[in-house]
Amino acid sequence: MHGLFAVMHARAAGEPVARTIDVEDSADLTSLLVDFLNEVLHRAQVAGELFTGATFTRLDETNVRAELTGVAPAEFEEDVKAVTYHEADVRYEDGMWRTMLVFDL
């Protein structure tokens, strides 16, 4: 989420907001991350919201519920059209979660 907003060159400009995002029945863990970030991106584009924090109240390999905190309205210098499945990969290596994502600009 922080990487997405870094690519968008996001700047906080408004009042605090809190939102809940639910993603259910994704195909796998990688799809879940892509689906989740696309929901975050949708909120950013439609409502002008910049999220700086997330508390996950439900998380398994195909479902997530997160309580997001941030500000709205926010300003974005770069437009990200989508988080893509192309080359997307989530894996656990050497005691750390790693991912590769491609954004459609």
PDB file of N, CA and C in Angstrom:
ATOM      1  N   MET A   1       0.827  -1.173   0.000  1.00  0.00           N
ATOM      2  CA  MET A   1       0.000   0.000   0.000  1.00  0.00           C
ATOM      3  C   MET A   1       0.880   1.248   0.000  1.00  0.00           C
ATOM      4  N   HIS A   2       1.927   1.243   0.811  1.00  0.00           N
ATOM      5  CA  HIS A   2       2.829   2.391   0.848  1.00  0.00           C
ATOM      6  C   HIS A   2       3.554   2.548  -0.488  1.00  0.00           C
ATOM      7  N   GLY A   3       3.943   1.426  -1.095  1.00  0.00           N
ATOM      8  CA  GLY A   3       4.601   1.468  -2.393  1.00  0.00           C
ATOM      9  C   GLY A   3       3.688   2.022  -3.471  1.00  0.00           C
ATOM     10  N   LEU A   4       2.420   1.632  -3.449  1.00  0.00           N
ATOM     11  CA  LEU A   4       1.439   2.139  -4.412  1.00  0.00           C
ATOM     12  C   LEU A   4       1.347   3.658  -4.315  1.00  0.00           C
ATOM     13  N   PHE A   5       1.214   4.173  -3.110  1.00  0.00           N
ATOM     14  CA  PHE A   5       1.085   5.614  -2.940  1.00  0.00           C
ATOM     15  C   PHE A   5       2.395   6.346  -3.220  1.00  0.00           C
ATOM     16  N   ALA A   6       3.527   5.672  -3.037  1.00  0.00           N
ATOM     17  CA  ALA A   6       4.812   6.286  -3.400  1.00  0.00           C
ATOM     18  C   ALA A   6       4.894   6.474  -4.909  1.00  0.00           C
ATOM     19  N   VAL A   7       4.452   5.478  -5.678  1.00  0.00           N
ATOM     20  CA  VAL A   7       4.442   5.583  -7.135  1.00  0.00           C
ATOM     21  C   VAL A   7       3.505   6.698  -7.583  1.00  0.00           C
ATOM     22  N   MET A   8       2.414   6.882  -6.863  1.00  0.00           N
ATOM     23  CA  MET A   8       1.436   7.921  -7.207  1.00  0.00           C
ATOM     24  C   MET A   8       1.872   9.312  -6.739  1.00  0.00           C
ATOM     25  N   HIS A   9       3.009   9.407  -6.020  1.00  0.00           N
ATOM     26  CA  HIS A   9       3.487  10.671  -5.465  1.00  0.00           C
ATOM     27  C   HIS A   9       2.360  11.350  -4.682  1.00  0.00           C
ATOM     28  N   ALA A  10       1.806  10.599  -3.746  1.00  0.00           N
ATOM     29  CA  ALA A  10       0.652  11.060  -2.967  1.00  0.00           C
ATOM     30  C   ALA A  10       1.083  12.054  -1.896  1.00  0.00           C
ATOM     31  N   ARG A  11       0.209  13.040  -1.679  1.00  0.00           N
ATOM     32  CA  ARG A  11       0.421  14.036  -0.627  1.00  0.00           C
ATOM     33  C   ARG A  11      -0.861  14.170   0.181  1.00  0.00           C
ATOM     34  N   ALA A  12      -0.711  14.148   1.492  1.00  0.00           N
ATOM     35  CA  ALA A  12      -1.855  14.341   2.386  1.00  0.00           C
ATOM     36  C   ALA A  12      -2.293  15.791   2.333  1.00  0.00           C
ATOM     37  N   ALA A  13      -3.614  15.995   2.242  1.00  0.00           N
ATOM     38  CA  ALA A  13      -4.113  17.360   2.139  1.00  0.00           C
ATOM     39  C   ALA A  13      -5.389  17.603   2.932  1.00  0.00           C
ATOM     40  N   GLY A  14      -5.940  16.577   3.574  1.00  0.00           N
ATOM     41  CA  GLY A  14      -7.264  16.750   4.171  1.00  0.00           C
ATOM     42  C   GLY A  14      -7.390  16.262   5.593  1.00  0.00           C
ATOM     43  N   GLU A  15      -8.608  15.891   5.905  1.00  0.00           N
ATOM     44  CA  GLU A  15      -8.998  15.451   7.244  1.00  0.00           C
ATOM     45  C   GLU A  15      -8.831  13.929   7.386  1.00  0.00           C
ATOM     46  N   PRO A  16      -8.696  13.435   8.611  1.00  0.00           N
ATOM     47  CA  PRO A  16      -8.569  11.992   8.835  1.00  0.00           C
ATOM     48  C   PRO A  16      -9.804  11.223   8.339  1.00  0.00           C
ATOM     49  N   VAL A  17      -9.562  10.042   7.779  1.00  0.00           N
ATOM     50  CA  VAL A  17     -10.632   9.139   7.363  1.00  0.00           C
ATOM     51  C   VAL A  17     -10.298   7.731   7.826  1.00  0.00           C
ATOM     52  N   ALA A  18     -11.329   6.917   7.952  1.00  0.00           N
ATOM     53  CA  ALA A  18     -11.178   5.496   8.268  1.00  0.00           C
ATOM     54  C   ALA A  18     -12.151   4.723   7.390  1.00  0.00           C
ATOM     55  N   ARG A  19     -11.678   3.649   6.800  1.00  0.00           N
ATOM     56  CA  ARG A  19     -12.501   2.820   5.908  1.00  0.00           C
ATOM     57  C   ARG A  19     -12.205   1.349   6.167  1.00  0.00           C
ATOM     58  N   THR A  20     -13.209   0.531   5.923  1.00  0.00           N
ATOM     59  CA  THR A  20     -13.037  -0.917   5.986  1.00  0.00           C
ATOM     60  C   THR A  20     -13.045  -1.457   4.567  1.00  0.00           C
ATOM     61  N   ILE A  21     -12.085  -2.314   4.263  1.00  0.00           N
ATOM     62  CA  ILE A  21     -12.033  -2.962   2.956  1.00  0.00           C
ATOM     63  C   ILE A  21     -12.112  -4.468   3.173  1.00  0.00           C
ATOM     64  N   ASP A  22     -13.039  -5.098   2.455  1.00  0.00           N
ATOM     65  CA  ASP A  22     -13.199  -6.551   2.478  1.00  0.00           C
ATOM     66  C   ASP A  22     -12.907  -7.098   1.092  1.00  0.00           C
ATOM     67  N   VAL A  23     -12.073  -8.117   1.025  1.00  0.00           N
ATOM     68  CA  VAL A  23     -11.839  -8.853  -0.217  1.00  0.00           C
ATOM     69  C   VAL A  23     -12.048 -10.320   0.123  1.00  0.00           C
ATOM     70  N   GLU A  24     -12.924 -10.973  -0.641  1.00  0.00           N
ATOM     71  CA  GLU A  24     -13.251 -12.370  -0.347  1.00  0.00           C
ATOM     72  C   GLU A  24     -13.075 -13.242  -1.579  1.00  0.00           C
ATOM     73  N   ASP A  25     -12.698 -14.470  -1.346  1.00  0.00           N
ATOM     74  CA  ASP A  25     -12.647 -15.518  -2.363  1.00  0.00           C
ATOM     75  C   ASP A  25     -11.674 -15.245  -3.495  1.00  0.00           C
ATOM     76  N   SER A  26     -10.522 -14.661  -3.187  1.00  0.00           N
ATOM     77  CA  SER A  26      -9.466 -14.546  -4.191  1.00  0.00           C
ATOM     78  C   SER A  26      -8.923 -15.938  -4.482  1.00  0.00           C
ATOM     79  N   ALA A  27      -8.299 -16.094  -5.616  1.00  0.00           N
ATOM     80  CA  ALA A  27      -7.827 -17.413  -6.048  1.00  0.00           C
ATOM     81  C   ALA A  27      -6.690 -17.947  -5.174  1.00  0.00           C
ATOM     82  N   ASP A  28      -5.808 -17.068  -4.718  1.00  0.00           N
ATOM     83  CA  ASP A  28      -4.650 -17.469  -3.915  1.00  0.00           C
ATOM     84  C   ASP A  28      -4.081 -16.234  -3.232  1.00  0.00           C
ATOM     85  N   LEU A  29      -2.978 -16.403  -2.530  1.00  0.00           N
ATOM     86  CA  LEU A  29      -2.393 -15.305  -1.765  1.00  0.00           C
ATOM     87  C   LEU A  29      -1.938 -14.158  -2.661  1.00  0.00           C
ATOM     88  N   THR A  30      -1.335 -14.472  -3.793  1.00  0.00           N
ATOM     89  CA  THR A  30      -0.905 -13.427  -4.724  1.00  0.00           C
ATOM     90  C   THR A  30      -2.096 -12.656  -5.261  1.00  0.00           C
ATOM     91  N   SER A  31      -3.140 -13.356  -5.671  1.00  0.00           N
ATOM     92  CA  SER A  31      -4.359 -12.692  -6.154  1.00  0.00           C
ATOM     93  C   SER A  31      -4.990 -11.844  -5.063  1.00  0.00           C
ATOM     94  N   LEU A  32      -4.926 -12.310  -3.833  1.00  0.00           N
ATOM     95  CA  LEU A  32      -5.487 -11.559  -2.711  1.00  0.00           C
ATOM     96  C   LEU A  32      -4.786 -10.211  -2.559  1.00  0.00           C
ATOM     97  N   LEU A  33      -3.467 -10.200  -2.662  1.00  0.00           N
ATOM     98  CA  LEU A  33      -2.741  -8.935  -2.555  1.00  0.00           C
ATOM     99  C   LEU A  33      -3.115  -7.993  -3.701  1.00  0.00           C
ATOM    100  N   VAL A  34      -3.171  -8.503  -4.920  1.00  0.00           N
ATOM    101  CA  VAL A  34      -3.536  -7.676  -6.073  1.00  0.00           C
ATOM    102  C   VAL A  34      -4.962  -7.150  -5.908  1.00  0.00           C
ATOM    103  N   ASP A  35      -5.886  -8.011  -5.517  1.00  0.00           N
ATOM    104  CA  ASP A  35      -7.282  -7.593  -5.330  1.00  0.00           C
ATOM    105  C   ASP A  35      -7.398  -6.527  -4.236  1.00  0.00           C
ATOM    106  N   PHE A  36      -6.693  -6.731  -3.127  1.00  0.00           N
ATOM    107  CA  PHE A  36      -6.710  -5.774  -2.025  1.00  0.00           C
ATOM    108  C   PHE A  36      -6.179  -4.415  -2.473  1.00  0.00           C
ATOM    109  N   LEU A  37      -5.039  -4.401  -3.143  1.00  0.00           N
ATOM    110  CA  LEU A  37      -4.458  -3.140  -3.579  1.00  0.00           C
ATOM    111  C   LEU A  37      -5.322  -2.443  -4.623  1.00  0.00           C
ATOM    112  N   ASN A  38      -6.016  -3.206  -5.458  1.00  0.00           N
ATOM    113  CA  ASN A  38      -6.941  -2.578  -6.404  1.00  0.00           C
ATOM    114  C   ASN A  38      -8.124  -1.935  -5.694  1.00  0.00           C
ATOM    115  N   GLU A  39      -8.576  -2.514  -4.582  1.00  0.00           N
ATOM    116  CA  GLU A  39      -9.629  -1.884  -3.781  1.00  0.00           C
ATOM    117  C   GLU A  39      -9.116  -0.585  -3.153  1.00  0.00           C
ATOM    118  N   VAL A  40      -7.898  -0.602  -2.647  1.00  0.00           N
ATOM    119  CA  VAL A  40      -7.285   0.603  -2.091  1.00  0.00           C
ATOM    120  C   VAL A  40      -7.160   1.663  -3.186  1.00  0.00           C
ATOM    121  N   LEU A  41      -6.698   1.271  -4.358  1.00  0.00           N
ATOM    122  CA  LEU A  41      -6.552   2.187  -5.486  1.00  0.00           C
ATOM    123  C   LEU A  41      -7.903   2.788  -5.889  1.00  0.00           C
ATOM    124  N   HIS A  42      -8.941   1.968  -5.899  1.00  0.00           N
ATOM    125  CA  HIS A  42     -10.279   2.454  -6.232  1.00  0.00           C
ATOM    126  C   HIS A  42     -10.701   3.569  -5.272  1.00  0.00           C
ATOM    127  N   ARG A  43     -10.482   3.357  -3.987  1.00  0.00           N
ATOM    128  CA  ARG A  43     -10.836   4.378  -2.988  1.00  0.00           C
ATOM    129  C   ARG A  43     -10.034   5.661  -3.210  1.00  0.00           C
ATOM    130  N   ALA A  44      -8.761   5.485  -3.546  1.00  0.00           N
ATOM    131  CA  ALA A  44      -7.913   6.644  -3.792  1.00  0.00           C
ATOM    132  C   ALA A  44      -8.417   7.445  -4.980  1.00  0.00           C
ATOM    133  N   GLN A  45      -8.784   6.755  -6.049  1.00  0.00           N
ATOM    134  CA  GLN A  45      -9.203   7.437  -7.270  1.00  0.00           C
ATOM    135  C   GLN A  45     -10.598   8.034  -7.159  1.00  0.00           C
ATOM    136  N   VAL A  46     -11.536   7.313  -6.581  1.00  0.00           N
ATOM    137  CA  VAL A  46     -12.923   7.764  -6.526  1.00  0.00           C
ATOM    138  C   VAL A  46     -13.131   8.818  -5.444  1.00  0.00           C
ATOM    139  N   ALA A  47     -12.590   8.581  -4.262  1.00  0.00           N
ATOM    140  CA  ALA A  47     -12.851   9.483  -3.127  1.00  0.00           C
ATOM    141  C   ALA A  47     -11.664  10.372  -2.769  1.00  0.00           C
ATOM    142  N   GLY A  48     -10.540  10.202  -3.470  1.00  0.00           N
ATOM    143  CA  GLY A  48      -9.374  11.015  -3.164  1.00  0.00           C
ATOM    144  C   GLY A  48      -8.799  10.730  -1.790  1.00  0.00           C
ATOM    145  N   GLU A  49      -8.786   9.460  -1.414  1.00  0.00           N
ATOM    146  CA  GLU A  49      -8.313   9.077  -0.081  1.00  0.00           C
ATOM    147  C   GLU A  49      -6.900   8.499  -0.158  1.00  0.00           C
ATOM    148  N   LEU A  50      -6.057   8.927   0.771  1.00  0.00           N
ATOM    149  CA  LEU A  50      -4.695   8.427   0.911  1.00  0.00           C
ATOM    150  C   LEU A  50      -4.619   7.656   2.221  1.00  0.00           C
ATOM    151  N   PHE A  51      -4.298   6.367   2.143  1.00  0.00           N
ATOM    152  CA  PHE A  51      -4.244   5.537   3.347  1.00  0.00           C
ATOM    153  C   PHE A  51      -2.802   5.358   3.800  1.00  0.00           C
ATOM    154  N   THR A  52      -2.591   5.602   5.085  1.00  0.00           N
ATOM    155  CA  THR A  52      -1.250   5.519   5.652  1.00  0.00           C
ATOM    156  C   THR A  52      -1.106   4.384   6.667  1.00  0.00           C
ATOM    157  N   GLY A  53      -2.223   3.772   7.048  1.00  0.00           N
ATOM    158  CA  GLY A  53      -2.179   2.686   8.022  1.00  0.00           C
ATOM    159  C   GLY A  53      -3.235   1.637   7.750  1.00  0.00           C
ATOM    160  N   ALA A  54      -2.938   0.418   8.162  1.00  0.00           N
ATOM    161  CA  ALA A  54      -3.893  -0.684   7.995  1.00  0.00           C
ATOM    162  C   ALA A  54      -3.787  -1.625   9.184  1.00  0.00           C
ATOM    163  N   THR A  55      -4.948  -1.996   9.712  1.00  0.00           N
ATOM    164  CA  THR A  55      -5.034  -3.022  10.742  1.00  0.00           C
ATOM    165  C   THR A  55      -5.862  -4.155  10.153  1.00  0.00           C
ATOM    166  N   PHE A  56      -5.270  -5.324  10.058  1.00  0.00           N
ATOM    167  CA  PHE A  56      -5.946  -6.468   9.450  1.00  0.00           C
ATOM    168  C   PHE A  56      -6.704  -7.232  10.518  1.00  0.00           C
ATOM    169  N   THR A  57      -8.029  -7.269  10.375  1.00  0.00           N
ATOM    170  CA  THR A  57      -8.866  -7.955  11.344  1.00  0.00           C
ATOM    171  C   THR A  57      -9.216  -9.362  10.876  1.00  0.00           C
ATOM    172  N   ARG A  58      -8.970  -9.650   9.607  1.00  0.00           N
ATOM    173  CA  ARG A  58      -9.167 -10.991   9.046  1.00  0.00           C
ATOM    174  C   ARG A  58      -8.168 -11.151   7.915  1.00  0.00           C
ATOM    175  N   LEU A  59      -7.408 -12.230   7.940  1.00  0.00           N
ATOM    176  CA  LEU A  59      -6.430 -12.470   6.888  1.00  0.00           C
ATOM    177  C   LEU A  59      -6.130 -13.957   6.797  1.00  0.00           C
ATOM    178  N   ASP A  60      -6.455 -14.523   5.624  1.00  0.00           N
ATOM    179  CA  ASP A  60      -6.036 -15.886   5.318  1.00  0.00           C
ATOM    180  C   ASP A  60      -5.616 -15.895   3.854  1.00  0.00           C
ATOM    181  N   GLU A  61      -5.439 -17.039   3.250  1.00  0.00           N
ATOM    182  CA  GLU A  61      -4.883 -17.092   1.897  1.00  0.00           C
ATOM    183  C   GLU A  61      -5.807 -16.561   0.812  1.00  0.00           C
ATOM    184  N   THR A  62      -7.099 -16.420   1.087  1.00  0.00           N
ATOM    185  CA  THR A  62      -8.027 -15.962   0.042  1.00  0.00           C
ATOM    186  C   THR A  62      -8.963 -14.835   0.485  1.00  0.00           C
ATOM    187  N   ASN A  63      -8.879 -14.398   1.739  1.00  0.00           N
ATOM    188  CA  ASN A  63      -9.792 -13.380   2.266  1.00  0.00           C
ATOM    189  C   ASN A  63      -9.041 -12.383   3.145  1.00  0.00           C
ATOM    190  N   VAL A  64      -9.483 -11.136   3.088  1.00  0.00           N
ATOM    191  CA  VAL A  64      -8.895 -10.114   3.955  1.00  0.00           C
ATOM    192  C   VAL A  64      -9.955  -9.077   4.310  1.00  0.00           C
ATOM    193  N   ARG A  65      -9.888  -8.626   5.540  1.00  0.00           N
ATOM    194  CA  ARG A  65     -10.653  -7.465   6.002  1.00  0.00           C
ATOM    195  C   ARG A  65      -9.637  -6.569   6.702  1.00  0.00           C
ATOM    196  N   ALA A  66      -9.616  -5.300   6.277  1.00  0.00           N
ATOM    197  CA  ALA A  66      -8.660  -4.366   6.854  1.00  0.00           C
ATOM    198  C   ALA A  66      -9.350  -3.067   7.197  1.00  0.00           C
ATOM    199  N   GLU A  67      -8.964  -2.519   8.328  1.00  0.00           N
ATOM    200  CA  GLU A  67      -9.410  -1.193   8.751  1.00  0.00           C
ATOM    201  C   GLU A  67      -8.296  -0.231   8.340  1.00  0.00           C
ATOM    202  N   LEU A  68      -8.595   0.639   7.366  1.00  0.00           N
ATOM    203  CA  LEU A  68      -7.597   1.562   6.837  1.00  0.00           C
ATOM    204  C   LEU A  68      -7.790   2.940   7.455  1.00  0.00           C
ATOM    205  N   THR A  69      -6.683   3.627   7.710  1.00  0.00           N
ATOM    206  CA  THR A  69      -6.713   4.997   8.189  1.00  0.00           C
ATOM    207  C   THR A  69      -5.885   5.859   7.254  1.00  0.00           C
ATOM    208  N   GLY A  70      -6.287   7.111   7.121  1.00  0.00           N
ATOM    209  CA  GLY A  70      -5.567   8.016   6.246  1.00  0.00           C
ATOM    210  C   GLY A  70      -6.194   9.386   6.247  1.00  0.00           C
ATOM    211  N   VAL A  71      -6.124  10.059   5.083  1.00  0.00           N
ATOM    212  CA  VAL A  71      -6.669  11.408   4.943  1.00  0.00           C
ATOM    213  C   VAL A  71      -7.401  11.553   3.617  1.00  0.00           C
ATOM    214  N   ALA A  72      -8.328  12.505   3.597  1.00  0.00           N
ATOM    215  CA  ALA A  72      -9.043  12.840   2.358  1.00  0.00           C
ATOM    216  C   ALA A  72      -9.501  14.286   2.463  1.00  0.00           C
ATOM    217  N   PRO A  73      -9.488  15.059   1.406  1.00  0.00           N
ATOM    218  CA  PRO A  73      -8.950  14.636   0.116  1.00  0.00           C
ATOM    219  C   PRO A  73      -7.432  14.638   0.123  1.00  0.00           C
ATOM    220  N   ALA A  74      -6.860  13.899  -0.802  1.00  0.00           N
ATOM    221  CA  ALA A  74      -5.414  13.836  -0.982  1.00  0.00           C
ATOM    222  C   ALA A  74      -5.093  14.217  -2.420  1.00  0.00           C
ATOM    223  N   GLU A  75      -3.835  14.503  -2.668  1.00  0.00           N
ATOM    224  CA  GLU A  75      -3.396  14.870  -4.011  1.00  0.00           C
ATOM    225  C   GLU A  75      -2.460  13.793  -4.547  1.00  0.00           C
ATOM    226  N   PHE A  76      -2.616  13.475  -5.841  1.00  0.00           N
ATOM    227  CA  PHE A  76      -1.792  12.467  -6.499  1.00  0.00           C
ATOM    228  C   PHE A  76      -1.211  13.055  -7.781  1.00  0.00           C
ATOM    229  N   GLU A  77       0.102  12.986  -7.922  1.00  0.00           N
ATOM    230  CA  GLU A  77       0.755  13.510  -9.119  1.00  0.00           C
ATOM    231  C   GLU A  77       0.753  12.506 -10.264  1.00  0.00           C
ATOM    232  N   GLU A  78       0.760  11.221  -9.959  1.00  0.00           N
ATOM    233  CA  GLU A  78       0.823  10.168 -10.973  1.00  0.00           C
ATOM    234  C   GLU A  78      -0.438   9.323 -10.905  1.00  0.00           C
ATOM    235  N   ASP A  79      -0.951   8.941 -12.058  1.00  0.00           N
ATOM    236  CA  ASP A  79      -2.145   8.107 -12.117  1.00  0.00           C
ATOM    237  C   ASP A  79      -1.744   6.648 -12.293  1.00  0.00           C
ATOM    238  N   VAL A  80      -2.158   5.809 -11.371  1.00  0.00           N
ATOM    239  CA  VAL A  80      -2.004   4.359 -11.512  1.00  0.00           C
ATOM    240  C   VAL A  80      -3.361   3.831 -11.920  1.00  0.00           C
ATOM    241  N   LYS A  81      -3.427   3.151 -13.074  1.00  0.00           N
ATOM    242  CA  LYS A  81      -4.702   2.636 -13.574  1.00  0.00           C
ATOM    243  C   LYS A  81      -5.108   1.355 -12.861  1.00  0.00           C
ATOM    244  N   ALA A  82      -4.116   0.502 -12.560  1.00  0.00           N
ATOM    245  CA  ALA A  82      -4.434  -0.784 -11.923  1.00  0.00           C
ATOM    246  C   ALA A  82      -3.177  -1.427 -11.370  1.00  0.00           C
ATOM    247  N   VAL A  83      -3.379  -2.284 -10.393  1.00  0.00           N
ATOM    248  CA  VAL A  83      -2.356  -3.218  -9.939  1.00  0.00           C
ATOM    249  C   VAL A  83      -2.609  -4.479 -10.752  1.00  0.00           C
ATOM    250  N   THR A  84      -1.601  -4.956 -11.484  1.00  0.00           N
ATOM    251  CA  THR A  84      -1.824  -6.046 -12.429  1.00  0.00           C
ATOM    252  C   THR A  84      -1.411  -7.405 -11.850  1.00  0.00           C
ATOM    253  N   TYR A  85      -1.926  -8.442 -12.485  1.00  0.00           N
ATOM    254  CA  TYR A  85      -1.540  -9.810 -12.138  1.00  0.00           C
ATOM    255  C   TYR A  85      -0.271 -10.219 -12.885  1.00  0.00           C
ATOM    256  N   HIS A  86       0.134  -9.424 -13.879  1.00  0.00           N
ATOM    257  CA  HIS A  86       1.315  -9.732 -14.689  1.00  0.00           C
ATOM    258  C   HIS A  86       2.562  -9.768 -13.807  1.00  0.00           C
ATOM    259  N   GLU A  87       3.210 -10.899 -13.760  1.00  0.00           N
ATOM    260  CA  GLU A  87       4.421 -11.140 -12.971  1.00  0.00           C
ATOM    261  C   GLU A  87       4.212 -11.022 -11.466  1.00  0.00           C
ATOM    262  N   ALA A  88       2.968 -10.912 -11.009  1.00  0.00           N
ATOM    263  CA  ALA A  88       2.700 -10.811  -9.576  1.00  0.00           C
ATOM    264  C   ALA A  88       3.123 -12.103  -8.878  1.00  0.00           C
ATOM    265  N   ASP A  89       3.748 -11.935  -7.726  1.00  0.00           N
ATOM    266  CA  ASP A  89       4.244 -13.089  -6.985  1.00  0.00           C
ATOM    267  C   ASP A  89       4.398 -12.709  -5.515  1.00  0.00           C
ATOM    268  N   VAL A  90       3.823 -13.502  -4.625  1.00  0.00           N
ATOM    269  CA  VAL A  90       3.998 -13.343  -3.187  1.00  0.00           C
ATOM    270  C   VAL A  90       4.586 -14.643  -2.668  1.00  0.00           C
ATOM    271  N   ARG A  91       5.669 -14.530  -1.912  1.00  0.00           N
ATOM    272  CA  ARG A  91       6.303 -15.741  -1.375  1.00  0.00           C
ATOM    273  C   ARG A  91       6.975 -15.441  -0.035  1.00  0.00           C
ATOM    274  N   TYR A  92       7.165 -16.500   0.735  1.00  0.00           N
ATOM    275  CA  TYR A  92       7.830 -16.401   2.032  1.00  0.00           C
ATOM    276  C   TYR A  92       9.219 -16.994   1.883  1.00  0.00           C
ATOM    277  N   GLU A  93      10.245 -16.162   2.032  1.00  0.00           N
ATOM    278  CA  GLU A  93      11.631 -16.596   1.867  1.00  0.00           C
ATOM    279  C   GLU A  93      12.491 -16.058   2.993  1.00  0.00           C
ATOM    280  N   ASP A  94      13.329 -16.910   3.523  1.00  0.00           N
ATOM    281  CA  ASP A  94      14.301 -16.481   4.527  1.00  0.00           C
ATOM    282  C   ASP A  94      13.655 -15.706   5.681  1.00  0.00           C
ATOM    283  N   GLY A  95      12.475 -16.151   6.109  1.00  0.00           N
ATOM    284  CA  GLY A  95      11.803 -15.529   7.236  1.00  0.00           C
ATOM    285  C   GLY A  95      11.113 -14.212   6.937  1.00  0.00           C
ATOM    286  N   MET A  96      10.971 -13.884   5.627  1.00  0.00           N
ATOM    287  CA  MET A  96      10.341 -12.620   5.244  1.00  0.00           C
ATOM    288  C   MET A  96       9.366 -12.845   4.096  1.00  0.00           C
ATOM    289  N   TRP A  97       8.305 -12.033   4.074  1.00  0.00           N
ATOM    290  CA  TRP A  97       7.385 -12.026   2.944  1.00  0.00           C
ATOM    291  C   TRP A  97       7.954 -11.111   1.873  1.00  0.00           C
ATOM    292  N   ARG A  98       7.946 -11.579   0.638  1.00  0.00           N
ATOM    293  CA  ARG A  98       8.439 -10.787  -0.494  1.00  0.00           C
ATOM    294  C   ARG A  98       7.384 -10.788  -1.589  1.00  0.00           C
ATOM    295  N   THR A  99       7.367  -9.705  -2.363  1.00  0.00           N
ATOM    296  CA  THR A  99       6.408  -9.620  -3.453  1.00  0.00           C
ATOM    297  C   THR A  99       7.007  -8.911  -4.644  1.00  0.00           C
ATOM    298  N   MET A 100       6.446  -9.213  -5.803  1.00  0.00           N
ATOM    299  CA  MET A 100       6.756  -8.517  -7.045  1.00  0.00           C
ATOM    300  C   MET A 100       5.420  -8.115  -7.641  1.00  0.00           C
ATOM    301  N   LEU A 101       5.252  -6.815  -7.892  1.00  0.00           N
ATOM    302  CA  LEU A 101       3.998  -6.315  -8.474  1.00  0.00           C
ATOM    303  C   LEU A 101       4.310  -5.364  -9.614  1.00  0.00           C
ATOM    304  N   VAL A 102       3.414  -5.325 -10.595  1.00  0.00           N
ATOM    305  CA  VAL A 102       3.519  -4.399 -11.712  1.00  0.00           C
ATOM    306  C   VAL A 102       2.290  -3.508 -11.697  1.00  0.00           C
ATOM    307  N   PHE A 103       2.510  -2.193 -11.778  1.00  0.00           N
ATOM    308  CA  PHE A 103       1.419  -1.233 -11.839  1.00  0.00           C
ATOM    309  C   PHE A 103       1.222  -0.794 -13.278  1.00  0.00           C
ATOM    310  N   ASP A 104      -0.038  -0.684 -13.699  1.00  0.00           N
ATOM    311  CA  ASP A 104      -0.382  -0.157 -15.012  1.00  0.00           C
ATOM    312  C   ASP A 104      -0.539   1.352 -14.869  1.00  0.00           C
ATOM    313  N   LEU A 105       0.367   2.103 -15.506  1.00  0.00           N
ATOM    314  CA  LEU A 105       0.349   3.570 -15.390  1.00  0.00           C
ATOM    315  C   LEU A 105      -0.355   4.193 -16.569  1.00  0.00           C
TER     316      LEU A 105
END
